[in-house]
Amino acid sequence: MVRISNADKNNLIISNSLSSVMPLSSYRMHRIYLAATMNYGLGSDDPEELAYYNKIKKDMADIKKEPVKKGIPLNWDAPEGMDK
């Protein structure tokens, strides 16, 4: 016989209730995107909204880490016959 702790029971109940949640509407996604990009707090305890908010914040942090390539790359190796 396998015993399940109360914490595991609660997690199972929460995961089952989250699986029946409707996906975020485009309106809600846009509002969350604006809040994340403008460094506003989300003001919601909805786990689906928090997950989307945190995903956007993580993506923004990853973008800041990558170097920005500016300008036109110069290729000084001219093909043969082009320097005449």
C-alpha atoms as a PDB file:
ATOM      1  CA  MET A   1       0.000   0.000   0.000  1.00  0.00           C
ATOM      2  CA  VAL A   2       1.349   3.399  -0.993  1.00  0.00           C
ATOM      3  CA  ARG A   3       0.780   6.326   1.338  1.00  0.00           C
ATOM      4  CA  ILE A   4       0.315   9.810  -0.086  1.00  0.00           C
ATOM      5  CA  SER A   5       1.160  12.775   2.101  1.00  0.00           C
ATOM      6  CA  ASN A   6      -1.189  15.736   2.493  1.00  0.00           C
ATOM      7  CA  ALA A   7       1.235  17.955   0.565  1.00  0.00           C
ATOM      8  CA  ASP A   8       1.180  15.514  -2.362  1.00  0.00           C
ATOM      9  CA  LYS A   9      -2.623  15.436  -2.227  1.00  0.00           C
ATOM     10  CA  ASN A  10      -2.753  19.232  -2.315  1.00  0.00           C
ATOM     11  CA  ASN A  11      -0.318  19.372  -5.245  1.00  0.00           C
ATOM     12  CA  LEU A  12      -2.402  16.819  -7.109  1.00  0.00           C
ATOM     13  CA  ILE A  13      -5.572  18.837  -6.532  1.00  0.00           C
ATOM     14  CA  ILE A  14      -3.865  22.045  -7.694  1.00  0.00           C
ATOM     15  CA  SER A  15      -2.391  20.416 -10.813  1.00  0.00           C
ATOM     16  CA  ASN A  16      -5.771  18.899 -11.714  1.00  0.00           C
ATOM     17  CA  SER A  17      -7.520  22.245 -11.312  1.00  0.00           C
ATOM     18  CA  LEU A  18      -4.860  24.002 -13.428  1.00  0.00           C
ATOM     19  CA  SER A  19      -5.191  21.525 -16.257  1.00  0.00           C
ATOM     20  CA  SER A  20      -8.817  22.559 -16.765  1.00  0.00           C
ATOM     21  CA  VAL A  21      -7.988  26.291 -16.938  1.00  0.00           C
ATOM     22  CA  MET A  22      -8.638  28.013 -20.249  1.00  0.00           C
ATOM     23  CA  PRO A  23      -5.570  29.355 -22.029  1.00  0.00           C
ATOM     24  CA  LEU A  24      -4.805  33.048 -21.748  1.00  0.00           C
ATOM     25  CA  SER A  25      -6.719  35.285 -24.103  1.00  0.00           C
ATOM     26  CA  SER A  26      -4.765  37.563 -26.421  1.00  0.00           C
ATOM     27  CA  TYR A  27      -6.017  40.549 -24.415  1.00  0.00           C
ATOM     28  CA  ARG A  28      -4.646  39.143 -21.159  1.00  0.00           C
ATOM     29  CA  MET A  29      -1.384  38.151 -22.839  1.00  0.00           C
ATOM     30  CA  HIS A  30      -0.969  41.694 -24.167  1.00  0.00           C
ATOM     31  CA  ARG A  31      -1.618  43.241 -20.757  1.00  0.00           C
ATOM     32  CA  ILE A  32       0.886  40.883 -19.131  1.00  0.00           C
ATOM     33  CA  TYR A  33       3.428  41.672 -21.876  1.00  0.00           C
ATOM     34  CA  LEU A  34       3.019  45.408 -21.259  1.00  0.00           C
ATOM     35  CA  ALA A  35       3.420  44.963 -17.514  1.00  0.00           C
ATOM     36  CA  ALA A  36       6.571  42.879 -17.969  1.00  0.00           C
ATOM     37  CA  THR A  37       8.243  45.149 -20.534  1.00  0.00           C
ATOM     38  CA  MET A  38       7.479  48.319 -18.570  1.00  0.00           C
ATOM     39  CA  ASN A  39       8.751  46.791 -15.285  1.00  0.00           C
ATOM     40  CA  TYR A  40       5.333  46.918 -13.645  1.00  0.00           C
ATOM     41  CA  GLY A  41       4.157  44.340 -11.161  1.00  0.00           C
ATOM     42  CA  LEU A  42       1.615  41.832 -12.378  1.00  0.00           C
ATOM     43  CA  GLY A  43      -0.894  42.233  -9.551  1.00  0.00           C
ATOM     44  CA  SER A  44      -2.341  38.767 -10.069  1.00  0.00           C
ATOM     45  CA  ASP A  45      -2.010  35.449  -8.302  1.00  0.00           C
ATOM     46  CA  ASP A  46      -3.188  33.417 -11.293  1.00  0.00           C
ATOM     47  CA  PRO A  47      -0.467  30.788 -11.863  1.00  0.00           C
ATOM     48  CA  GLU A  48      -0.952  30.846 -15.633  1.00  0.00           C
ATOM     49  CA  GLU A  49      -0.496  34.625 -15.761  1.00  0.00           C
ATOM     50  CA  LEU A  50       2.506  34.443 -13.440  1.00  0.00           C
ATOM     51  CA  ALA A  51       4.128  31.794 -15.628  1.00  0.00           C
ATOM     52  CA  TYR A  52       3.678  33.922 -18.758  1.00  0.00           C
ATOM     53  CA  TYR A  53       4.945  37.049 -16.943  1.00  0.00           C
ATOM     54  CA  ASN A  54       8.040  35.210 -15.684  1.00  0.00           C
ATOM     55  CA  LYS A  55       8.683  33.777 -19.168  1.00  0.00           C
ATOM     56  CA  ILE A  56       8.688  37.266 -20.686  1.00  0.00           C
ATOM     57  CA  LYS A  57      10.950  38.625 -17.937  1.00  0.00           C
ATOM     58  CA  LYS A  58      13.384  35.708 -18.478  1.00  0.00           C
ATOM     59  CA  ASP A  59      13.394  36.262 -22.249  1.00  0.00           C
ATOM     60  CA  MET A  60      14.115  39.953 -21.714  1.00  0.00           C
ATOM     61  CA  ALA A  61      17.023  39.132 -19.381  1.00  0.00           C
ATOM     62  CA  ASP A  62      18.430  36.685 -21.946  1.00  0.00           C
ATOM     63  CA  ILE A  63      18.218  39.303 -24.693  1.00  0.00           C
ATOM     64  CA  LYS A  64      20.144  41.807 -22.556  1.00  0.00           C
ATOM     65  CA  LYS A  65      22.977  39.295 -22.123  1.00  0.00           C
ATOM     66  CA  GLU A  66      23.547  38.871 -25.865  1.00  0.00           C
ATOM     67  CA  PRO A  67      25.882  41.385 -27.520  1.00  0.00           C
ATOM     68  CA  VAL A  68      24.355  43.718 -30.076  1.00  0.00           C
ATOM     69  CA  LYS A  69      25.987  43.620 -33.473  1.00  0.00           C
ATOM     70  CA  LYS A  70      25.936  47.066 -35.020  1.00  0.00           C
ATOM     71  CA  GLY A  71      27.102  48.389 -38.329  1.00  0.00           C
ATOM     72  CA  ILE A  72      27.873  46.817 -41.645  1.00  0.00           C
ATOM     73  CA  PRO A  73      30.364  43.960 -41.629  1.00  0.00           C
ATOM     74  CA  LEU A  74      33.277  44.811 -43.891  1.00  0.00           C
ATOM     75  CA  ASN A  75      34.776  42.090 -46.007  1.00  0.00           C
ATOM     76  CA  TRP A  76      38.247  43.146 -47.103  1.00  0.00           C
ATOM     77  CA  ASP A  77      38.861  39.945 -49.026  1.00  0.00           C
ATOM     78  CA  ALA A  78      37.834  40.966 -52.554  1.00  0.00           C
ATOM     79  CA  PRO A  79      37.210  38.157 -55.005  1.00  0.00           C
ATOM     80  CA  GLU A  80      39.892  37.633 -57.628  1.00  0.00           C
ATOM     81  CA  GLY A  81      39.577  39.902 -60.611  1.00  0.00           C
ATOM     82  CA  MET A  82      37.632  42.557 -58.685  1.00  0.00           C
ATOM     83  CA  ASP A  83      40.712  44.649 -57.752  1.00  0.00           C
ATOM     84  CA  LYS A  84      41.626  45.594 -61.313  1.00  0.00           C
END
